[in-house]
PDB file of N, CA and C in Angstrom:
ATOM      1  N   UNK A   1     -28.619 195.828  56.353  1.00  0.00           N
ATOM      2  CA  UNK A   1     -29.029 194.664  55.593  1.00  0.00           C
ATOM      3  C   UNK A   1     -30.116 195.056  54.593  1.00  0.00           C
ATOM      4  N   UNK A   2     -30.222 194.261  53.560  1.00  0.00           N
ATOM      5  CA  UNK A   2     -31.192 194.519  52.502  1.00  0.00           C
ATOM      6  C   UNK A   2     -32.560 194.018  52.906  1.00  0.00           C
ATOM      7  N   UNK A   3     -33.555 194.614  52.338  1.00  0.00           N
ATOM      8  CA  UNK A   3     -34.913 194.139  52.501  1.00  0.00           C
ATOM      9  C   UNK A   3     -35.142 193.003  51.525  1.00  0.00           C
ATOM     10  N   UNK A   4     -36.036 192.094  51.835  1.00  0.00           N
ATOM     11  CA  UNK A   4     -36.277 190.950  50.981  1.00  0.00           C
ATOM     12  C   UNK A   4     -37.446 191.113  50.036  1.00  0.00           C
ATOM     13  N   UNK A   5     -37.908 192.326  49.740  1.00  0.00           N
ATOM     14  CA  UNK A   5     -39.074 192.544  48.898  1.00  0.00           C
ATOM     15  C   UNK A   5     -38.801 192.344  47.434  1.00  0.00           C
ATOM     16  N   UNK A   6     -39.007 193.393  46.647  1.00  0.00           N
ATOM     17  CA  UNK A   6     -38.860 193.295  45.198  1.00  0.00           C
ATOM     18  C   UNK A   6     -37.393 193.228  44.789  1.00  0.00           C
ATOM     19  N   UNK A   7     -36.514 193.706  45.639  1.00  0.00           N
ATOM     20  CA  UNK A   7     -35.087 193.682  45.315  1.00  0.00           C
ATOM     21  C   UNK A   7     -34.613 192.231  45.227  1.00  0.00           C
ATOM     22  N   UNK A   8     -33.527 192.035  44.528  1.00  0.00           N
ATOM     23  CA  UNK A   8     -32.997 190.686  44.388  1.00  0.00           C
ATOM     24  C   UNK A   8     -31.486 190.696  44.403  1.00  0.00           C
ATOM     25  N   UNK A   9     -30.926 189.505  44.433  1.00  0.00           N
ATOM     26  CA  UNK A   9     -29.480 189.323  44.439  1.00  0.00           C
ATOM     27  C   UNK A   9     -29.195 188.032  43.666  1.00  0.00           C
ATOM     28  N   UNK A  10     -28.025 187.944  43.064  1.00  0.00           N
ATOM     29  CA  UNK A  10     -27.630 186.724  42.358  1.00  0.00           C
ATOM     30  C   UNK A  10     -27.619 185.543  43.327  1.00  0.00           C
ATOM     31  N   UNK A  11     -28.064 184.396  42.860  1.00  0.00           N
ATOM     32  CA  UNK A  11     -28.117 183.209  43.699  1.00  0.00           C
ATOM     33  C   UNK A  11     -26.738 182.820  44.225  1.00  0.00           C
ATOM     34  N   UNK A  12     -25.721 182.845  43.371  1.00  0.00           N
ATOM     35  CA  UNK A  12     -24.382 182.467  43.846  1.00  0.00           C
ATOM     36  C   UNK A  12     -23.885 183.421  44.927  1.00  0.00           C
ATOM     37  N   UNK A  13     -24.210 184.673  44.783  1.00  0.00           N
ATOM     38  CA  UNK A  13     -23.805 185.665  45.779  1.00  0.00           C
ATOM     39  C   UNK A  13     -24.517 185.435  47.115  1.00  0.00           C
ATOM     40  N   UNK A  14     -25.824 185.156  47.041  1.00  0.00           N
ATOM     41  CA  UNK A  14     -26.581 184.913  48.272  1.00  0.00           C
ATOM     42  C   UNK A  14     -26.065 183.669  48.995  1.00  0.00           C
ATOM     43  N   UNK A  15     -25.793 182.599  48.255  1.00  0.00           N
ATOM     44  CA  UNK A  15     -25.268 181.377  48.865  1.00  0.00           C
ATOM     45  C   UNK A  15     -23.939 181.642  49.565  1.00  0.00           C
ATOM     46  N   UNK A  16     -23.132 182.509  48.976  1.00  0.00           N
ATOM     47  CA  UNK A  16     -21.850 182.880  49.580  1.00  0.00           C
ATOM     48  C   UNK A  16     -22.078 183.729  50.833  1.00  0.00           C
ATOM     49  N   UNK A  17     -22.967 184.725  50.742  1.00  0.00           N
ATOM     50  CA  UNK A  17     -23.286 185.564  51.908  1.00  0.00           C
ATOM     51  C   UNK A  17     -23.822 184.725  53.066  1.00  0.00           C
ATOM     52  N   UNK A  18     -24.628 183.706  52.742  1.00  0.00           N
ATOM     53  CA  UNK A  18     -25.235 182.855  53.769  1.00  0.00           C
ATOM     54  C   UNK A  18     -24.254 181.805  54.299  1.00  0.00           C
ATOM     55  N   UNK A  19     -23.024 181.841  53.802  1.00  0.00           N
ATOM     56  CA  UNK A  19     -21.943 180.954  54.236  1.00  0.00           C
ATOM     57  C   UNK A  19     -22.246 179.480  53.977  1.00  0.00           C
ATOM     58  N   UNK A  20     -22.992 179.214  52.910  1.00  0.00           N
ATOM     59  CA  UNK A  20     -23.267 177.839  52.523  1.00  0.00           C
ATOM     60  C   UNK A  20     -22.134 177.292  51.653  1.00  0.00           C
ATOM     61  N   UNK A  21     -21.377 178.210  51.041  1.00  0.00           N
ATOM     62  CA  UNK A  21     -20.194 177.856  50.260  1.00  0.00           C
ATOM     63  C   UNK A  21     -19.090 178.845  50.601  1.00  0.00           C
ATOM     64  N   UNK A  22     -17.870 178.358  50.615  1.00  0.00           N
ATOM     65  CA  UNK A  22     -16.713 179.172  50.999  1.00  0.00           C
ATOM     66  C   UNK A  22     -16.444 180.301  50.003  1.00  0.00           C
ATOM     67  N   UNK A  23     -16.705 180.037  48.706  1.00  0.00           N
ATOM     68  CA  UNK A  23     -16.467 181.054  47.677  1.00  0.00           C
ATOM     69  C   UNK A  23     -17.664 181.132  46.740  1.00  0.00           C
ATOM     70  N   UNK A  24     -17.774 182.247  46.032  1.00  0.00           N
ATOM     71  CA  UNK A  24     -18.830 182.366  45.026  1.00  0.00           C
ATOM     72  C   UNK A  24     -18.605 181.382  43.892  1.00  0.00           C
ATOM     73  N   UNK A  25     -17.347 181.101  43.573  1.00  0.00           N
ATOM     74  CA  UNK A  25     -17.040 180.144  42.515  1.00  0.00           C
ATOM     75  C   UNK A  25     -17.569 178.760  42.879  1.00  0.00           C
ATOM     76  N   UNK A  26     -17.375 178.331  44.124  1.00  0.00           N
ATOM     77  CA  UNK A  26     -17.906 177.036  44.558  1.00  0.00           C
ATOM     78  C   UNK A  26     -19.429 177.030  44.509  1.00  0.00           C
ATOM     79  N   UNK A  27     -20.046 178.132  44.897  1.00  0.00           N
ATOM     80  CA  UNK A  27     -21.504 178.241  44.829  1.00  0.00           C
ATOM     81  C   UNK A  27     -21.966 178.148  43.375  1.00  0.00           C
ATOM     82  N   UNK A  28     -21.302 178.878  42.483  1.00  0.00           N
ATOM     83  CA  UNK A  28     -21.661 178.862  41.063  1.00  0.00           C
ATOM     84  C   UNK A  28     -21.494 177.461  40.474  1.00  0.00           C
ATOM     85  N   UNK A  29     -20.425 176.777  40.868  1.00  0.00           N
ATOM     86  CA  UNK A  29     -20.194 175.409  40.384  1.00  0.00           C
ATOM     87  C   UNK A  29     -21.309 174.466  40.852  1.00  0.00           C
ATOM     88  N   UNK A  30     -21.743 174.601  42.100  1.00  0.00           N
ATOM     89  CA  UNK A  30     -22.823 173.764  42.632  1.00  0.00           C
ATOM     90  C   UNK A  30     -24.132 174.031  41.895  1.00  0.00           C
ATOM     91  N   UNK A  31     -24.385 175.297  41.582  1.00  0.00           N
ATOM     92  CA  UNK A  31     -25.598 175.662  40.833  1.00  0.00           C
ATOM     93  C   UNK A  31     -25.533 175.047  39.439  1.00  0.00           C
ATOM     94  N   UNK A  32     -24.419 175.236  38.747  1.00  0.00           N
ATOM     95  CA  UNK A  32     -24.257 174.723  37.383  1.00  0.00           C
ATOM     96  C   UNK A  32     -24.354 173.203  37.335  1.00  0.00           C
ATOM     97  N   UNK A  33     -23.919 172.533  38.402  1.00  0.00           N
ATOM     98  CA  UNK A  33     -23.951 171.073  38.464  1.00  0.00           C
ATOM     99  C   UNK A  33     -25.339 170.532  38.800  1.00  0.00           C
ATOM    100  N   UNK A  34     -26.289 171.413  39.131  1.00  0.00           N
ATOM    101  CA  UNK A  34     -27.652 170.980  39.429  1.00  0.00           C
ATOM    102  C   UNK A  34     -27.917 170.668  40.884  1.00  0.00           C
ATOM    103  N   UNK A  35     -27.049 171.114  41.777  1.00  0.00           N
ATOM    104  CA  UNK A  35     -27.220 170.824  43.199  1.00  0.00           C
ATOM    105  C   UNK A  35     -28.088 171.818  43.947  1.00  0.00           C
ATOM    106  N   UNK A  36     -28.674 172.779  43.225  1.00  0.00           N
ATOM    107  CA  UNK A  36     -29.477 173.826  43.866  1.00  0.00           C
ATOM    108  C   UNK A  36     -30.839 173.909  43.181  1.00  0.00           C
ATOM    109  N   UNK A  37     -31.888 174.038  43.990  1.00  0.00           N
ATOM    110  CA  UNK A  37     -33.239 174.286  43.460  1.00  0.00           C
ATOM    111  C   UNK A  37     -33.721 175.624  44.016  1.00  0.00           C
ATOM    112  N   UNK A  38     -34.439 176.347  43.186  1.00  0.00           N
ATOM    113  CA  UNK A  38     -35.022 177.624  43.591  1.00  0.00           C
ATOM    114  C   UNK A  38     -36.533 177.507  43.466  1.00  0.00           C
ATOM    115  N   UNK A  39     -37.218 177.634  44.581  1.00  0.00           N
ATOM    116  CA  UNK A  39     -38.673 177.483  44.637  1.00  0.00           C
ATOM    117  C   UNK A  39     -39.117 176.149  44.040  1.00  0.00           C
ATOM    118  N   UNK A  40     -38.340 175.100  44.308  1.00  0.00           N
ATOM    119  CA  UNK A  40     -38.684 173.758  43.869  1.00  0.00           C
ATOM    120  C   UNK A  40     -38.246 173.413  42.455  1.00  0.00           C
ATOM    121  N   UNK A  41     -37.747 174.385  41.716  1.00  0.00           N
ATOM    122  CA  UNK A  41     -37.343 174.161  40.330  1.00  0.00           C
ATOM    123  C   UNK A  41     -35.829 174.062  40.221  1.00  0.00           C
ATOM    124  N   UNK A  42     -35.333 173.103  39.411  1.00  0.00           N
ATOM    125  CA  UNK A  42     -33.886 173.032  39.207  1.00  0.00           C
ATOM    126  C   UNK A  42     -33.361 174.358  38.666  1.00  0.00           C
ATOM    127  N   UNK A  43     -32.224 174.759  39.144  1.00  0.00           N
ATOM    128  CA  UNK A  43     -31.629 176.027  38.729  1.00  0.00           C
ATOM    129  C   UNK A  43     -30.193 175.767  38.322  1.00  0.00           C
ATOM    130  N   UNK A  44     -29.816 176.177  37.123  1.00  0.00           N
ATOM    131  CA  UNK A  44     -28.448 175.967  36.658  1.00  0.00           C
ATOM    132  C   UNK A  44     -27.748 177.273  36.301  1.00  0.00           C
ATOM    133  N   UNK A  45     -28.362 178.397  36.657  1.00  0.00           N
ATOM    134  CA  UNK A  45     -27.764 179.696  36.350  1.00  0.00           C
ATOM    135  C   UNK A  45     -27.348 180.412  37.627  1.00  0.00           C
ATOM    136  N   UNK A  46     -26.047 180.612  37.829  1.00  0.00           N
ATOM    137  CA  UNK A  46     -25.585 181.328  39.017  1.00  0.00           C
ATOM    138  C   UNK A  46     -26.140 182.743  39.121  1.00  0.00           C
ATOM    139  N   UNK A  47     -26.481 183.351  37.987  1.00  0.00           N
ATOM    140  CA  UNK A  47     -26.992 184.725  37.994  1.00  0.00           C
ATOM    141  C   UNK A  47     -28.495 184.792  38.252  1.00  0.00           C
ATOM    142  N   UNK A  48     -29.134 183.650  38.490  1.00  0.00           N
ATOM    143  CA  UNK A  48     -30.570 183.642  38.788  1.00  0.00           C
ATOM    144  C   UNK A  48     -30.848 184.570  39.966  1.00  0.00           C
ATOM    145  N   UNK A  49     -31.891 185.372  39.877  1.00  0.00           N
ATOM    146  CA  UNK A  49     -32.228 186.338  40.914  1.00  0.00           C
ATOM    147  C   UNK A  49     -32.966 185.655  42.068  1.00  0.00           C
ATOM    148  N   UNK A  50     -32.569 185.965  43.297  1.00  0.00           N
ATOM    149  CA  UNK A  50     -33.214 185.458  44.514  1.00  0.00           C
ATOM    150  C   UNK A  50     -33.827 186.642  45.236  1.00  0.00           C
ATOM    151  N   UNK A  51     -35.020 186.438  45.787  1.00  0.00           N
ATOM    152  CA  UNK A  51     -35.717 187.498  46.533  1.00  0.00           C
ATOM    153  C   UNK A  51     -36.146 186.957  47.890  1.00  0.00           C
ATOM    154  N   UNK A  52     -36.455 187.853  48.785  1.00  0.00           N
ATOM    155  CA  UNK A  52     -36.983 187.457  50.086  1.00  0.00           C
ATOM    156  C   UNK A  52     -38.230 186.615  49.909  1.00  0.00           C
ATOM    157  N   UNK A  53     -38.345 185.552  50.685  1.00  0.00           N
ATOM    158  CA  UNK A  53     -39.497 184.656  50.604  1.00  0.00           C
ATOM    159  C   UNK A  53     -39.264 183.449  49.709  1.00  0.00           C
ATOM    160  N   UNK A  54     -38.236 183.501  48.845  1.00  0.00           N
ATOM    161  CA  UNK A  54     -37.911 182.362  47.988  1.00  0.00           C
ATOM    162  C   UNK A  54     -37.447 181.186  48.847  1.00  0.00           C
ATOM    163  N   UNK A  55     -37.618 179.986  48.307  1.00  0.00           N
ATOM    164  CA  UNK A  55     -37.128 178.775  48.949  1.00  0.00           C
ATOM    165  C   UNK A  55     -35.954 178.251  48.142  1.00  0.00           C
ATOM    166  N   UNK A  56     -34.839 178.014  48.813  1.00  0.00           N
ATOM    167  CA  UNK A  56     -33.626 177.510  48.173  1.00  0.00           C
ATOM    168  C   UNK A  56     -33.319 176.142  48.777  1.00  0.00           C
ATOM    169  N   UNK A  57     -33.228 175.128  47.913  1.00  0.00           N
ATOM    170  CA  UNK A  57     -32.855 173.786  48.347  1.00  0.00           C
ATOM    171  C   UNK A  57     -31.413 173.554  47.926  1.00  0.00           C
ATOM    172  N   UNK A  58     -30.571 173.243  48.898  1.00  0.00           N
ATOM    173  CA  UNK A  58     -29.132 173.090  48.669  1.00  0.00           C
ATOM    174  C   UNK A  58     -28.732 171.651  48.964  1.00  0.00           C
ATOM    175  N   UNK A  59     -28.192 170.981  47.958  1.00  0.00           N
ATOM    176  CA  UNK A  59     -27.649 169.642  48.133  1.00  0.00           C
ATOM    177  C   UNK A  59     -26.134 169.769  48.054  1.00  0.00           C
ATOM    178  N   UNK A  60     -25.497 169.764  49.216  1.00  0.00           N
ATOM    179  CA  UNK A  60     -24.041 169.946  49.266  1.00  0.00           C
ATOM    180  C   UNK A  60     -23.517 169.453  50.606  1.00  0.00           C
ATOM    181  N   UNK A  61     -22.253 169.115  50.623  1.00  0.00           N
ATOM    182  CA  UNK A  61     -21.574 168.714  51.857  1.00  0.00           C
ATOM    183  C   UNK A  61     -22.240 167.500  52.510  1.00  0.00           C
ATOM    184  N   UNK A  62     -22.789 166.598  51.676  1.00  0.00           N
ATOM    185  CA  UNK A  62     -23.372 165.362  52.186  1.00  0.00           C
ATOM    186  C   UNK A  62     -24.747 165.492  52.807  1.00  0.00           C
ATOM    187  N   UNK A  63     -25.415 166.618  52.588  1.00  0.00           N
ATOM    188  CA  UNK A  63     -26.761 166.776  53.135  1.00  0.00           C
ATOM    189  C   UNK A  63     -27.603 167.675  52.253  1.00  0.00           C
ATOM    190  N   UNK A  64     -28.907 167.619  52.461  1.00  0.00           N
ATOM    191  CA  UNK A  64     -29.844 168.472  51.728  1.00  0.00           C
ATOM    192  C   UNK A  64     -30.485 169.412  52.743  1.00  0.00           C
ATOM    193  N   UNK A  65     -30.451 170.702  52.414  1.00  0.00           N
ATOM    194  CA  UNK A  65     -31.050 171.708  53.290  1.00  0.00           C
ATOM    195  C   UNK A  65     -32.070 172.505  52.492  1.00  0.00           C
ATOM    196  N   UNK A  66     -33.216 172.765  53.121  1.00  0.00           N
ATOM    197  CA  UNK A  66     -34.245 173.610  52.514  1.00  0.00           C
ATOM    198  C   UNK A  66     -34.304 174.884  53.336  1.00  0.00           C
ATOM    199  N   UNK A  67     -34.098 176.022  52.662  1.00  0.00           N
ATOM    200  CA  UNK A  67     -33.996 177.312  53.337  1.00  0.00           C
ATOM    201  C   UNK A  67     -34.968 178.321  52.741  1.00  0.00           C
ATOM    202  N   UNK A  68     -35.597 179.122  53.599  1.00  0.00           N
ATOM    203  CA  UNK A  68     -36.421 180.231  53.128  1.00  0.00           C
ATOM    204  C   UNK A  68     -35.588 181.497  53.265  1.00  0.00           C
ATOM    205  N   UNK A  69     -35.478 182.250  52.183  1.00  0.00           N
ATOM    206  CA  UNK A  69     -34.696 183.484  52.174  1.00  0.00           C
ATOM    207  C   UNK A  69     -35.434 184.534  52.997  1.00  0.00           C
ATOM    208  N   UNK A  70     -34.776 185.030  54.045  1.00  0.00           N
ATOM    209  CA  UNK A  70     -35.342 186.058  54.917  1.00  0.00           C
ATOM    210  C   UNK A  70     -34.760 187.420  54.562  1.00  0.00           C
ATOM    211  N   UNK A  71     -33.460 187.445  54.272  1.00  0.00           N
ATOM    212  CA  UNK A  71     -32.766 188.692  53.962  1.00  0.00           C
ATOM    213  C   UNK A  71     -31.730 188.396  52.886  1.00  0.00           C
ATOM    214  N   UNK A  72     -31.373 189.407  52.126  1.00  0.00           N
ATOM    215  CA  UNK A  72     -30.425 189.218  51.029  1.00  0.00           C
ATOM    216  C   UNK A  72     -28.981 189.403  51.464  1.00  0.00           C
ATOM    217  N   UNK A  73     -28.748 190.214  52.457  1.00  0.00           N
ATOM    218  CA  UNK A  73     -27.385 190.464  52.926  1.00  0.00           C
ATOM    219  C   UNK A  73     -26.643 191.381  51.974  1.00  0.00           C
ATOM    220  N   UNK A  74     -25.656 192.063  52.509  1.00  0.00           N
ATOM    221  CA  UNK A  74     -24.845 192.986  51.705  1.00  0.00           C
ATOM    222  C   UNK A  74     -23.397 192.536  51.617  1.00  0.00           C
ATOM    223  N   UNK A  75     -23.047 191.550  52.459  1.00  0.00           N
ATOM    224  CA  UNK A  75     -21.658 191.088  52.495  1.00  0.00           C
ATOM    225  C   UNK A  75     -21.624 189.699  53.103  1.00  0.00           C
ATOM    226  N   UNK A  76     -20.469 189.077  53.019  1.00  0.00           N
ATOM    227  CA  UNK A  76     -20.262 187.798  53.700  1.00  0.00           C
ATOM    228  C   UNK A  76     -19.726 188.128  55.087  1.00  0.00           C
ATOM    229  N   UNK A  77     -20.593 188.108  56.054  1.00  0.00           N
ATOM    230  CA  UNK A  77     -20.213 188.444  57.415  1.00  0.00           C
ATOM    231  C   UNK A  77     -19.952 187.196  58.235  1.00  0.00           C
ATOM    232  N   UNK A  78     -19.871 187.357  59.555  1.00  0.00           N
ATOM    233  CA  UNK A  78     -19.654 186.212  60.437  1.00  0.00           C
ATOM    234  C   UNK A  78     -20.848 185.253  60.402  1.00  0.00           C
ATOM    235  N   UNK A  79     -20.641 184.037  60.869  1.00  0.00           N
ATOM    236  CA  UNK A  79     -21.678 183.005  60.836  1.00  0.00           C
ATOM    237  C   UNK A  79     -22.967 183.454  61.523  1.00  0.00           C
ATOM    238  N   UNK A  80     -22.845 184.202  62.605  1.00  0.00           N
ATOM    239  CA  UNK A  80     -24.047 184.665  63.314  1.00  0.00           C
ATOM    240  C   UNK A  80     -24.873 185.596  62.428  1.00  0.00           C
ATOM    241  N   UNK A  81     -24.198 186.431  61.646  1.00  0.00           N
ATOM    242  CA  UNK A  81     -24.895 187.326  60.720  1.00  0.00           C
ATOM    243  C   UNK A  81     -25.477 186.533  59.557  1.00  0.00           C
ATOM    244  N   UNK A  82     -24.735 185.571  59.043  1.00  0.00           N
ATOM    245  CA  UNK A  82     -25.199 184.756  57.917  1.00  0.00           C
ATOM    246  C   UNK A  82     -26.458 183.976  58.280  1.00  0.00           C
ATOM    247  N   UNK A  83     -26.544 183.509  59.511  1.00  0.00           N
ATOM    248  CA  UNK A  83     -27.699 182.724  59.948  1.00  0.00           C
ATOM    249  C   UNK A  83     -28.991 183.532  59.945  1.00  0.00           C
ATOM    250  N   UNK A  84     -28.902 184.861  59.938  1.00  0.00           N
ATOM    251  CA  UNK A  84     -30.107 185.699  59.905  1.00  0.00           C
ATOM    252  C   UNK A  84     -30.647 185.865  58.488  1.00  0.00           C
ATOM    253  N   UNK A  85     -29.938 185.353  57.489  1.00  0.00           N
ATOM    254  CA  UNK A  85     -30.363 185.507  56.099  1.00  0.00           C
ATOM    255  C   UNK A  85     -31.402 184.472  55.675  1.00  0.00           C
ATOM    256  N   UNK A  86     -31.608 183.441  56.489  1.00  0.00           N
ATOM    257  CA  UNK A  86     -32.535 182.377  56.102  1.00  0.00           C
ATOM    258  C   UNK A  86     -33.156 181.700  57.318  1.00  0.00           C
ATOM    259  N   UNK A  87     -34.297 181.046  57.062  1.00  0.00           N
ATOM    260  CA  UNK A  87     -34.919 180.150  58.031  1.00  0.00           C
ATOM    261  C   UNK A  87     -34.723 178.738  57.512  1.00  0.00           C
ATOM    262  N   UNK A  88     -34.249 177.854  58.364  1.00  0.00           N
ATOM    263  CA  UNK A  88     -34.044 176.449  57.997  1.00  0.00           C
ATOM    264  C   UNK A  88     -35.387 175.738  58.039  1.00  0.00           C
ATOM    265  N   UNK A  89     -35.806 175.133  56.931  1.00  0.00           N
ATOM    266  CA  UNK A  89     -37.087 174.445  56.862  1.00  0.00           C
ATOM    267  C   UNK A  89     -36.944 172.934  57.002  1.00  0.00           C
ATOM    268  N   UNK A  90     -35.700 172.430  56.915  1.00  0.00           N
ATOM    269  CA  UNK A  90     -35.472 170.991  57.067  1.00  0.00           C
ATOM    270  C   UNK A  90     -35.363 170.655  58.551  1.00  0.00           C
ATOM    271  N   UNK A  91     -35.711 169.434  58.859  1.00  0.00           N
ATOM    272  CA  UNK A  91     -35.650 169.016  60.277  1.00  0.00           C
ATOM    273  C   UNK A  91     -34.494 168.095  60.496  1.00  0.00           C
TER     274      UNK A  91
END
């Protein structure tokens, strides 16, 4: 797995790795539509860089989730692996 320091990954790719969207295209569409915030700021660019420690707010699938990026991931793995990529901040 990747370290979450200075390295980064595209936001659409990270959302896909974290299994928040089934495909990168769906993730990119959600970003472009304004359903994603990065560190509290609206984000409309799928290529926006995400780093460890960033906060990603996802409004999708009928709910809003606030996540802290823990790891960037290298692939879209099983759900158990995807769950290690973030800490859920919503209750």
